[in-house]
N, C-alpha and C. Protein backbone atom coordinates (compact mmCIF):
# COMPACT_ATOMS: atom_id res chain seq x y z
N MET A 1 2.31 8.84 21.77
CA MET A 1 1.94 9.63 20.61
C MET A 1 2.80 9.16 19.44
N SER A 2 2.16 8.92 18.31
CA SER A 2 2.89 8.43 17.14
C SER A 2 3.67 9.56 16.47
N VAL A 3 4.57 9.18 15.60
CA VAL A 3 5.38 10.15 14.86
C VAL A 3 4.47 11.08 14.06
N LEU A 4 3.44 10.50 13.43
CA LEU A 4 2.51 11.28 12.62
C LEU A 4 1.75 12.29 13.49
N GLU A 5 1.27 11.84 14.63
CA GLU A 5 0.54 12.75 15.52
C GLU A 5 1.46 13.83 16.06
N ASN A 6 2.69 13.47 16.37
CA ASN A 6 3.67 14.44 16.85
C ASN A 6 3.92 15.51 15.80
N ALA A 7 4.07 15.08 14.54
CA ALA A 7 4.27 16.03 13.45
C ALA A 7 3.02 16.88 13.24
N ALA A 8 1.85 16.27 13.35
CA ALA A 8 0.59 17.00 13.14
C ALA A 8 0.41 18.08 14.19
N HIS A 9 0.83 17.83 15.43
CA HIS A 9 0.67 18.82 16.49
C HIS A 9 1.55 20.05 16.27
N ARG A 10 2.52 19.95 15.40
CA ARG A 10 3.38 21.10 15.10
C ARG A 10 2.79 21.99 14.00
N LEU A 11 1.74 21.51 13.34
CA LEU A 11 1.12 22.28 12.28
C LEU A 11 0.22 23.37 12.86
N PRO A 12 0.07 24.47 12.13
CA PRO A 12 -0.87 25.50 12.59
C PRO A 12 -2.31 25.05 12.33
N GLU A 13 -3.24 25.58 13.09
CA GLU A 13 -4.66 25.32 12.84
C GLU A 13 -5.04 26.03 11.54
N PRO A 14 -5.92 25.59 10.74
CA PRO A 14 -6.76 24.40 10.83
C PRO A 14 -6.10 23.14 10.26
N LEU A 15 -4.85 23.25 9.78
CA LEU A 15 -4.17 22.07 9.25
C LEU A 15 -4.01 20.97 10.30
N ARG A 16 -3.74 21.38 11.55
CA ARG A 16 -3.55 20.40 12.63
C ARG A 16 -4.80 19.54 12.80
N SER A 17 -5.94 20.18 12.91
CA SER A 17 -7.20 19.44 13.09
C SER A 17 -7.47 18.53 11.90
N LEU A 18 -7.22 19.03 10.72
CA LEU A 18 -7.44 18.25 9.49
C LEU A 18 -6.52 17.03 9.45
N ALA A 19 -5.25 17.23 9.79
CA ALA A 19 -4.29 16.11 9.79
C ALA A 19 -4.66 15.06 10.83
N LEU A 20 -5.07 15.51 12.01
CA LEU A 20 -5.44 14.56 13.06
C LEU A 20 -6.74 13.83 12.72
N LYS A 21 -7.65 14.54 12.09
CA LYS A 21 -8.93 13.93 11.69
C LYS A 21 -8.72 12.84 10.64
N HIS A 22 -7.76 13.05 9.74
CA HIS A 22 -7.52 12.12 8.63
C HIS A 22 -6.19 11.38 8.79
N ARG A 23 -5.81 11.08 10.02
CA ARG A 23 -4.52 10.43 10.27
C ARG A 23 -4.42 9.07 9.58
N GLU A 24 -5.52 8.34 9.50
CA GLU A 24 -5.49 7.03 8.84
C GLU A 24 -5.16 7.19 7.35
N LEU A 25 -5.74 8.18 6.71
CA LEU A 25 -5.45 8.46 5.31
C LEU A 25 -4.01 8.91 5.13
N LEU A 26 -3.51 9.73 6.05
CA LEU A 26 -2.12 10.18 5.97
C LEU A 26 -1.15 9.02 6.14
N LYS A 27 -1.45 8.11 7.06
CA LYS A 27 -0.60 6.93 7.25
C LYS A 27 -0.63 6.06 5.99
N PHE A 28 -1.83 5.88 5.43
CA PHE A 28 -1.97 5.12 4.19
C PHE A 28 -1.13 5.77 3.09
N ALA A 29 -1.15 7.09 3.00
CA ALA A 29 -0.37 7.80 1.98
C ALA A 29 1.14 7.65 2.22
N LEU A 30 1.58 7.67 3.46
CA LEU A 30 3.01 7.47 3.75
C LEU A 30 3.46 6.05 3.41
N VAL A 31 2.62 5.08 3.74
CA VAL A 31 2.93 3.70 3.35
C VAL A 31 2.96 3.61 1.83
N GLY A 32 1.99 4.23 1.20
CA GLY A 32 1.94 4.25 -0.27
C GLY A 32 3.17 4.90 -0.88
N GLY A 33 3.63 5.99 -0.29
CA GLY A 33 4.84 6.65 -0.78
C GLY A 33 6.06 5.76 -0.66
N THR A 34 6.16 5.08 0.47
CA THR A 34 7.27 4.14 0.67
C THR A 34 7.22 3.02 -0.36
N CYS A 35 6.03 2.47 -0.55
CA CYS A 35 5.88 1.37 -1.51
C CYS A 35 6.04 1.86 -2.95
N PHE A 36 5.70 3.12 -3.21
CA PHE A 36 5.93 3.71 -4.53
C PHE A 36 7.42 3.72 -4.85
N VAL A 37 8.24 4.11 -3.88
CA VAL A 37 9.69 4.13 -4.08
C VAL A 37 10.21 2.71 -4.33
N ILE A 38 9.75 1.76 -3.52
CA ILE A 38 10.15 0.36 -3.70
C ILE A 38 9.73 -0.13 -5.09
N ASP A 39 8.48 0.10 -5.44
CA ASP A 39 7.95 -0.32 -6.74
C ASP A 39 8.73 0.30 -7.89
N THR A 40 8.96 1.59 -7.82
CA THR A 40 9.67 2.30 -8.89
C THR A 40 11.09 1.77 -9.06
N ALA A 41 11.79 1.59 -7.96
CA ALA A 41 13.18 1.10 -8.03
C ALA A 41 13.23 -0.30 -8.65
N ILE A 42 12.36 -1.18 -8.19
CA ILE A 42 12.36 -2.54 -8.73
C ILE A 42 11.91 -2.56 -10.19
N PHE A 43 10.88 -1.79 -10.51
CA PHE A 43 10.38 -1.73 -11.88
C PHE A 43 11.48 -1.30 -12.85
N PHE A 44 12.14 -0.19 -12.55
CA PHE A 44 13.17 0.28 -13.47
C PHE A 44 14.40 -0.62 -13.48
N ALA A 45 14.73 -1.21 -12.35
CA ALA A 45 15.86 -2.16 -12.33
C ALA A 45 15.56 -3.38 -13.20
N LEU A 46 14.37 -3.94 -13.07
CA LEU A 46 14.01 -5.13 -13.85
C LEU A 46 13.86 -4.82 -15.34
N LYS A 47 13.16 -3.72 -15.66
CA LYS A 47 12.92 -3.44 -17.07
C LYS A 47 14.18 -2.93 -17.78
N SER A 48 15.19 -2.59 -17.02
CA SER A 48 16.46 -2.16 -17.61
C SER A 48 17.46 -3.30 -17.71
N THR A 49 17.13 -4.45 -17.11
CA THR A 49 18.09 -5.57 -17.09
C THR A 49 17.42 -6.86 -17.56
N VAL A 50 17.02 -7.69 -16.62
CA VAL A 50 16.55 -9.05 -16.94
C VAL A 50 15.20 -9.10 -17.64
N LEU A 51 14.38 -8.07 -17.53
CA LEU A 51 13.08 -8.06 -18.20
C LEU A 51 12.99 -6.92 -19.21
N LEU A 52 14.08 -6.73 -19.93
CA LEU A 52 14.19 -5.64 -20.90
C LEU A 52 13.05 -5.65 -21.92
N GLU A 53 12.67 -6.81 -22.39
CA GLU A 53 11.63 -6.93 -23.41
C GLU A 53 10.24 -7.12 -22.81
N LYS A 54 10.13 -7.14 -21.50
CA LYS A 54 8.85 -7.42 -20.84
C LYS A 54 8.54 -6.40 -19.75
N PRO A 55 8.24 -5.16 -20.12
CA PRO A 55 8.02 -4.12 -19.11
C PRO A 55 6.77 -4.36 -18.25
N VAL A 56 5.73 -4.95 -18.82
CA VAL A 56 4.53 -5.20 -18.02
C VAL A 56 4.82 -6.27 -16.96
N THR A 57 5.59 -7.29 -17.32
CA THR A 57 6.00 -8.31 -16.34
C THR A 57 6.85 -7.67 -15.25
N ALA A 58 7.76 -6.78 -15.63
CA ALA A 58 8.58 -6.07 -14.65
C ALA A 58 7.70 -5.27 -13.70
N LYS A 59 6.67 -4.64 -14.24
CA LYS A 59 5.74 -3.84 -13.43
C LYS A 59 4.98 -4.73 -12.45
N ILE A 60 4.54 -5.89 -12.92
CA ILE A 60 3.79 -6.80 -12.06
C ILE A 60 4.68 -7.32 -10.92
N VAL A 61 5.91 -7.72 -11.24
CA VAL A 61 6.83 -8.21 -10.21
C VAL A 61 7.12 -7.10 -9.18
N ALA A 62 7.39 -5.90 -9.66
CA ALA A 62 7.68 -4.78 -8.75
C ALA A 62 6.49 -4.49 -7.85
N THR A 63 5.30 -4.52 -8.42
CA THR A 63 4.11 -4.25 -7.63
C THR A 63 3.85 -5.35 -6.61
N LEU A 64 4.13 -6.59 -6.96
CA LEU A 64 3.97 -7.70 -5.99
C LEU A 64 4.88 -7.51 -4.78
N VAL A 65 6.13 -7.16 -5.02
CA VAL A 65 7.06 -6.94 -3.90
C VAL A 65 6.57 -5.79 -3.03
N ALA A 66 6.18 -4.70 -3.66
CA ALA A 66 5.68 -3.54 -2.92
C ALA A 66 4.40 -3.88 -2.15
N THR A 67 3.59 -4.77 -2.70
CA THR A 67 2.35 -5.18 -2.05
C THR A 67 2.62 -5.93 -0.75
N ILE A 68 3.62 -6.78 -0.74
CA ILE A 68 3.96 -7.51 0.48
C ILE A 68 4.39 -6.53 1.57
N VAL A 69 5.22 -5.58 1.22
CA VAL A 69 5.64 -4.54 2.18
C VAL A 69 4.41 -3.75 2.63
N SER A 70 3.55 -3.43 1.70
CA SER A 70 2.34 -2.68 2.00
C SER A 70 1.45 -3.39 3.01
N TYR A 71 1.30 -4.70 2.85
CA TYR A 71 0.44 -5.44 3.79
C TYR A 71 0.95 -5.30 5.22
N VAL A 72 2.22 -5.51 5.39
CA VAL A 72 2.79 -5.44 6.74
C VAL A 72 2.63 -4.03 7.31
N LEU A 73 2.99 -3.02 6.55
CA LEU A 73 2.92 -1.64 7.05
C LEU A 73 1.48 -1.17 7.26
N ASN A 74 0.58 -1.50 6.34
CA ASN A 74 -0.81 -1.08 6.51
C ASN A 74 -1.47 -1.79 7.68
N ARG A 75 -1.23 -3.08 7.81
CA ARG A 75 -1.87 -3.83 8.90
C ARG A 75 -1.34 -3.37 10.26
N GLU A 76 -0.06 -3.16 10.36
CA GLU A 76 0.53 -2.85 11.66
C GLU A 76 0.61 -1.36 11.98
N TRP A 77 0.34 -0.51 10.99
CA TRP A 77 0.45 0.93 11.27
C TRP A 77 -0.77 1.70 10.78
N SER A 78 -1.02 1.73 9.47
CA SER A 78 -2.10 2.55 8.93
C SER A 78 -3.46 2.15 9.49
N PHE A 79 -3.75 0.86 9.49
CA PHE A 79 -5.06 0.36 9.91
C PHE A 79 -4.94 -0.50 11.17
N LYS A 80 -4.03 -0.13 12.06
CA LYS A 80 -3.73 -0.98 13.22
C LYS A 80 -4.92 -1.16 14.16
N THR A 81 -5.86 -0.24 14.16
CA THR A 81 -7.02 -0.41 15.04
C THR A 81 -8.21 -1.01 14.30
N ARG A 82 -8.08 -1.22 13.01
CA ARG A 82 -9.17 -1.81 12.23
C ARG A 82 -8.97 -3.31 12.13
N GLY A 83 -10.02 -3.99 11.85
CA GLY A 83 -9.94 -5.43 11.69
C GLY A 83 -11.30 -5.99 11.41
N GLY A 84 -11.67 -6.97 12.21
CA GLY A 84 -12.98 -7.57 12.06
C GLY A 84 -12.94 -8.92 11.37
N ARG A 85 -11.76 -9.37 11.02
CA ARG A 85 -11.63 -10.65 10.34
C ARG A 85 -10.48 -11.44 10.95
N GLU A 86 -10.53 -12.76 10.77
CA GLU A 86 -9.40 -13.57 11.16
C GLU A 86 -8.23 -13.21 10.25
N ARG A 87 -7.02 -13.33 10.76
CA ARG A 87 -5.85 -12.86 10.03
C ARG A 87 -5.72 -13.52 8.64
N HIS A 88 -5.93 -14.82 8.54
CA HIS A 88 -5.79 -15.48 7.23
C HIS A 88 -6.85 -14.99 6.25
N HIS A 89 -8.05 -14.71 6.73
CA HIS A 89 -9.11 -14.17 5.87
C HIS A 89 -8.76 -12.74 5.45
N GLU A 90 -8.27 -11.96 6.40
CA GLU A 90 -7.84 -10.59 6.13
C GLU A 90 -6.72 -10.57 5.08
N ALA A 91 -5.74 -11.44 5.25
CA ALA A 91 -4.62 -11.50 4.31
C ALA A 91 -5.10 -11.91 2.93
N ALA A 92 -5.98 -12.89 2.86
CA ALA A 92 -6.51 -13.33 1.56
C ALA A 92 -7.24 -12.18 0.86
N LEU A 93 -8.07 -11.45 1.61
CA LEU A 93 -8.77 -10.31 1.03
C LEU A 93 -7.81 -9.20 0.61
N PHE A 94 -6.78 -8.98 1.43
CA PHE A 94 -5.78 -7.97 1.11
C PHE A 94 -5.13 -8.28 -0.23
N PHE A 95 -4.72 -9.54 -0.40
CA PHE A 95 -4.04 -9.91 -1.63
C PHE A 95 -5.00 -9.99 -2.81
N LEU A 96 -6.27 -10.28 -2.59
CA LEU A 96 -7.27 -10.22 -3.66
C LEU A 96 -7.47 -8.78 -4.11
N VAL A 97 -7.65 -7.88 -3.16
CA VAL A 97 -7.79 -6.45 -3.49
C VAL A 97 -6.55 -5.97 -4.23
N ASN A 98 -5.38 -6.39 -3.78
CA ASN A 98 -4.15 -5.98 -4.44
C ASN A 98 -3.95 -6.64 -5.78
N GLY A 99 -4.46 -7.85 -5.96
CA GLY A 99 -4.42 -8.48 -7.28
C GLY A 99 -5.19 -7.65 -8.29
N ILE A 100 -6.37 -7.20 -7.90
CA ILE A 100 -7.15 -6.31 -8.76
C ILE A 100 -6.41 -4.99 -8.93
N GLY A 101 -5.80 -4.51 -7.84
CA GLY A 101 -5.01 -3.28 -7.90
C GLY A 101 -3.83 -3.40 -8.86
N ILE A 102 -3.19 -4.56 -8.89
CA ILE A 102 -2.07 -4.77 -9.82
C ILE A 102 -2.54 -4.69 -11.26
N VAL A 103 -3.69 -5.29 -11.55
CA VAL A 103 -4.24 -5.20 -12.91
C VAL A 103 -4.53 -3.75 -13.25
N LEU A 104 -5.22 -3.04 -12.33
CA LEU A 104 -5.53 -1.63 -12.57
C LEU A 104 -4.27 -0.79 -12.72
N ASN A 105 -3.25 -1.11 -11.92
CA ASN A 105 -1.98 -0.39 -11.95
C ASN A 105 -1.21 -0.65 -13.24
N SER A 106 -1.31 -1.85 -13.78
CA SER A 106 -0.55 -2.23 -14.98
C SER A 106 -1.24 -1.85 -16.29
N MET A 107 -2.54 -1.65 -16.24
CA MET A 107 -3.29 -1.37 -17.47
C MET A 107 -2.81 -0.11 -18.22
N PRO A 108 -2.58 1.01 -17.55
CA PRO A 108 -2.10 2.17 -18.31
C PRO A 108 -0.78 1.91 -19.05
N LEU A 109 0.13 1.15 -18.44
CA LEU A 109 1.39 0.81 -19.10
C LEU A 109 1.12 -0.08 -20.32
N TRP A 110 0.24 -1.06 -20.15
CA TRP A 110 -0.11 -1.94 -21.26
C TRP A 110 -0.72 -1.13 -22.40
N VAL A 111 -1.64 -0.23 -22.09
CA VAL A 111 -2.27 0.62 -23.10
C VAL A 111 -1.22 1.49 -23.79
N SER A 112 -0.34 2.08 -23.00
CA SER A 112 0.71 2.95 -23.54
C SER A 112 1.62 2.19 -24.51
N ARG A 113 2.08 1.02 -24.09
CA ARG A 113 3.01 0.24 -24.89
C ARG A 113 2.35 -0.44 -26.09
N TYR A 114 1.23 -1.11 -25.86
CA TYR A 114 0.71 -2.02 -26.88
C TYR A 114 -0.50 -1.50 -27.64
N LEU A 115 -1.19 -0.51 -27.13
CA LEU A 115 -2.30 0.09 -27.86
C LEU A 115 -1.84 1.36 -28.57
N PHE A 116 -1.09 2.20 -27.84
CA PHE A 116 -0.59 3.44 -28.43
C PHE A 116 0.80 3.28 -29.06
N HIS A 117 1.43 2.14 -28.87
CA HIS A 117 2.75 1.83 -29.44
C HIS A 117 3.81 2.87 -29.06
N LEU A 118 3.79 3.28 -27.81
CA LEU A 118 4.79 4.24 -27.32
C LEU A 118 6.01 3.47 -26.84
N GLN A 119 6.68 2.84 -27.79
CA GLN A 119 7.88 2.06 -27.52
C GLN A 119 8.79 2.11 -28.73
N GLU A 120 10.07 1.83 -28.50
CA GLU A 120 11.01 1.78 -29.61
C GLU A 120 10.63 0.65 -30.54
N PRO A 121 10.73 0.72 -31.79
CA PRO A 121 11.29 1.79 -32.63
C PRO A 121 10.27 2.84 -33.07
N GLU A 122 8.99 2.69 -32.66
CA GLU A 122 7.97 3.66 -33.08
C GLU A 122 8.23 5.06 -32.53
N VAL A 123 8.82 5.14 -31.34
CA VAL A 123 9.15 6.43 -30.73
C VAL A 123 10.59 6.36 -30.21
N SER A 124 11.12 7.50 -29.84
CA SER A 124 12.49 7.53 -29.30
C SER A 124 12.55 6.88 -27.91
N ARG A 125 13.74 6.55 -27.50
CA ARG A 125 13.94 5.96 -26.17
C ARG A 125 13.45 6.89 -25.07
N LEU A 126 13.69 8.19 -25.22
CA LEU A 126 13.24 9.17 -24.24
C LEU A 126 11.72 9.17 -24.13
N VAL A 127 11.02 9.19 -25.24
CA VAL A 127 9.55 9.18 -25.24
C VAL A 127 9.05 7.89 -24.58
N GLN A 128 9.69 6.78 -24.91
CA GLN A 128 9.29 5.50 -24.31
C GLN A 128 9.43 5.54 -22.80
N GLU A 129 10.56 6.02 -22.30
CA GLU A 129 10.81 6.04 -20.86
C GLU A 129 9.88 7.01 -20.12
N VAL A 130 9.65 8.18 -20.71
CA VAL A 130 8.74 9.14 -20.10
C VAL A 130 7.32 8.57 -20.10
N SER A 131 6.95 7.94 -21.19
CA SER A 131 5.63 7.31 -21.30
C SER A 131 5.48 6.18 -20.28
N ASP A 132 6.50 5.34 -20.15
CA ASP A 132 6.46 4.26 -19.17
C ASP A 132 6.29 4.80 -17.76
N PHE A 133 7.06 5.84 -17.43
CA PHE A 133 6.97 6.41 -16.09
C PHE A 133 5.58 7.02 -15.85
N ALA A 134 5.12 7.82 -16.79
CA ALA A 134 3.82 8.48 -16.62
C ALA A 134 2.68 7.46 -16.53
N SER A 135 2.70 6.47 -17.41
CA SER A 135 1.58 5.52 -17.43
C SER A 135 1.65 4.53 -16.27
N ALA A 136 2.83 3.99 -15.98
CA ALA A 136 2.94 2.97 -14.93
C ALA A 136 3.04 3.58 -13.54
N GLN A 137 3.89 4.58 -13.38
CA GLN A 137 4.19 5.07 -12.05
C GLN A 137 3.29 6.22 -11.60
N ILE A 138 2.69 6.93 -12.51
CA ILE A 138 1.81 8.02 -12.11
C ILE A 138 0.34 7.61 -12.27
N ILE A 139 -0.09 7.42 -13.50
CA ILE A 139 -1.50 7.11 -13.76
C ILE A 139 -1.90 5.78 -13.11
N GLY A 140 -1.12 4.74 -13.36
CA GLY A 140 -1.43 3.43 -12.79
C GLY A 140 -1.43 3.44 -11.28
N THR A 141 -0.47 4.11 -10.69
CA THR A 141 -0.39 4.17 -9.23
C THR A 141 -1.59 4.91 -8.65
N LEU A 142 -2.00 6.00 -9.25
CA LEU A 142 -3.15 6.75 -8.75
C LEU A 142 -4.44 5.94 -8.84
N ILE A 143 -4.63 5.24 -9.95
CA ILE A 143 -5.83 4.40 -10.11
C ILE A 143 -5.80 3.26 -9.09
N GLY A 144 -4.66 2.59 -8.99
CA GLY A 144 -4.52 1.49 -8.04
C GLY A 144 -4.68 1.95 -6.60
N MET A 145 -4.13 3.11 -6.27
CA MET A 145 -4.21 3.64 -4.91
C MET A 145 -5.65 3.93 -4.51
N ALA A 146 -6.39 4.56 -5.40
CA ALA A 146 -7.79 4.87 -5.10
C ALA A 146 -8.58 3.59 -4.85
N PHE A 147 -8.38 2.60 -5.70
CA PHE A 147 -9.08 1.33 -5.52
C PHE A 147 -8.66 0.65 -4.22
N ARG A 148 -7.38 0.65 -3.90
CA ARG A 148 -6.90 0.00 -2.68
C ARG A 148 -7.45 0.67 -1.42
N TRP A 149 -7.44 2.00 -1.40
CA TRP A 149 -7.98 2.73 -0.25
C TRP A 149 -9.42 2.30 0.01
N TYR A 150 -10.22 2.28 -1.04
CA TYR A 150 -11.61 1.87 -0.91
C TYR A 150 -11.70 0.40 -0.47
N GLY A 151 -10.94 -0.47 -1.12
CA GLY A 151 -10.99 -1.89 -0.82
C GLY A 151 -10.53 -2.23 0.58
N TYR A 152 -9.49 -1.58 1.05
CA TYR A 152 -8.99 -1.85 2.40
C TYR A 152 -10.06 -1.49 3.44
N LYS A 153 -10.63 -0.30 3.30
CA LYS A 153 -11.62 0.15 4.28
C LYS A 153 -12.93 -0.62 4.16
N LYS A 154 -13.32 -1.01 2.97
CA LYS A 154 -14.61 -1.69 2.76
C LYS A 154 -14.53 -3.19 3.09
N TRP A 155 -13.46 -3.88 2.64
CA TRP A 155 -13.44 -5.33 2.73
C TRP A 155 -12.33 -5.90 3.63
N VAL A 156 -11.14 -5.32 3.58
CA VAL A 156 -10.00 -5.93 4.29
C VAL A 156 -9.99 -5.58 5.77
N PHE A 157 -10.10 -4.30 6.10
CA PHE A 157 -10.09 -3.83 7.48
C PHE A 157 -11.40 -3.07 7.74
N PRO A 158 -12.54 -3.74 7.71
CA PRO A 158 -13.83 -3.04 7.70
C PRO A 158 -14.27 -2.42 9.02
N ASP A 159 -13.87 -3.00 10.13
CA ASP A 159 -14.41 -2.56 11.41
C ASP A 159 -13.43 -1.66 12.15
N GLU A 160 -13.81 -0.40 12.27
CA GLU A 160 -12.99 0.56 13.00
C GLU A 160 -13.02 0.22 14.48
N GLY A 161 -11.86 0.25 15.12
CA GLY A 161 -11.77 -0.03 16.55
C GLY A 161 -11.82 -1.51 16.90
N ALA A 162 -11.72 -2.39 15.91
CA ALA A 162 -11.78 -3.84 16.17
C ALA A 162 -10.53 -4.35 16.88
N ARG A 163 -9.41 -3.72 16.63
CA ARG A 163 -8.16 -4.10 17.29
C ARG A 163 -7.68 -2.91 18.08
N THR A 164 -7.24 -3.13 19.28
CA THR A 164 -6.69 -2.04 20.06
C THR A 164 -5.18 -2.11 20.01
N PRO A 165 -4.51 -0.98 19.97
CA PRO A 165 -3.05 -0.99 19.99
C PRO A 165 -2.54 -1.72 21.22
N ARG A 166 -1.40 -2.38 21.08
CA ARG A 166 -0.83 -3.19 22.17
C ARG A 166 -0.67 -2.39 23.46
N ALA A 167 -0.28 -1.14 23.36
CA ALA A 167 -0.06 -0.34 24.57
C ALA A 167 -1.36 -0.12 25.34
N GLU A 168 -2.50 -0.16 24.65
CA GLU A 168 -3.78 0.09 25.30
C GLU A 168 -4.44 -1.18 25.81
N ARG A 169 -3.95 -2.36 25.40
CA ARG A 169 -4.55 -3.61 25.85
C ARG A 169 -4.33 -3.80 27.33
N LYS A 170 -5.36 -4.25 28.01
CA LYS A 170 -5.23 -4.54 29.44
C LYS A 170 -4.70 -5.95 29.58
N SER A 171 -3.84 -6.11 30.51
CA SER A 171 -3.27 -7.43 30.76
C SER A 171 -4.08 -8.11 31.86
N TYR A 172 -4.72 -9.21 31.49
CA TYR A 172 -5.47 -9.98 32.46
C TYR A 172 -4.69 -11.23 32.78
N PRO A 173 -4.61 -11.60 34.05
CA PRO A 173 -3.87 -12.81 34.40
C PRO A 173 -4.56 -14.04 33.81
N SER A 174 -3.76 -14.96 33.33
CA SER A 174 -4.31 -16.20 32.79
C SER A 174 -4.68 -17.11 33.95
N ALA A 175 -5.45 -18.15 33.66
CA ALA A 175 -5.84 -19.12 34.68
C ALA A 175 -4.59 -19.75 35.29
N GLU A 176 -3.57 -19.96 34.46
CA GLU A 176 -2.32 -20.55 34.93
C GLU A 176 -1.65 -19.63 35.95
N ASP A 177 -1.65 -18.30 35.67
CA ASP A 177 -1.06 -17.33 36.59
C ASP A 177 -1.81 -17.33 37.93
N GLU A 178 -3.15 -17.40 37.87
CA GLU A 178 -3.94 -17.39 39.08
C GLU A 178 -3.70 -18.64 39.92
N ASN A 179 -3.56 -19.78 39.25
CA ASN A 179 -3.29 -21.03 39.95
C ASN A 179 -1.94 -21.01 40.65
N LEU A 180 -0.95 -20.34 40.04
CA LEU A 180 0.37 -20.26 40.65
C LEU A 180 0.30 -19.47 41.95
N GLY A 181 -0.56 -18.46 41.98
CA GLY A 181 -0.68 -17.63 43.18
C GLY A 181 -1.38 -18.37 44.32
N HIS A 182 -2.16 -19.40 44.04
CA HIS A 182 -2.91 -20.13 45.08
C HIS A 182 -2.22 -21.41 45.52
N SER A 183 -1.06 -21.73 44.99
CA SER A 183 -0.41 -22.99 45.34
C SER A 183 0.30 -22.93 46.65
């Protein structure tokens, strides 16, 4: 039983049934939350130091790092029983979906900074930082997350039950093993 299922079994009904029914979405959300923390930390570290004048570039770099972590966690945990594609094809689609997701995620920050001019000296530093957080980390993340959820299920991991968890796989002896027994 996974950690998520163990936690879900402690919930009262009807929350328990709902959590178990949507466990894949909950796992996706937990991975997303983890990657949100990674993305936010890197974004603010970069835009406060080496990319001070380039917040959109800082956002793109932060999102790329979070995307790599996301691929590993989503493939091996959130969508571990889904598949239907060869790994290299799956990875290419994952990064294509995330490339589009990065654009969608970065657009609200770009609009905030360069269309609405919510940056110094037009506004105070506080307004700029609150605007950057709201546009990049809240609005952008929600738009990107919705697109990624759809894209992962539709294109990247389309077939439910295509991969079975390792614990459930049956071990069949290889031809080499059988030959050793007959020698």
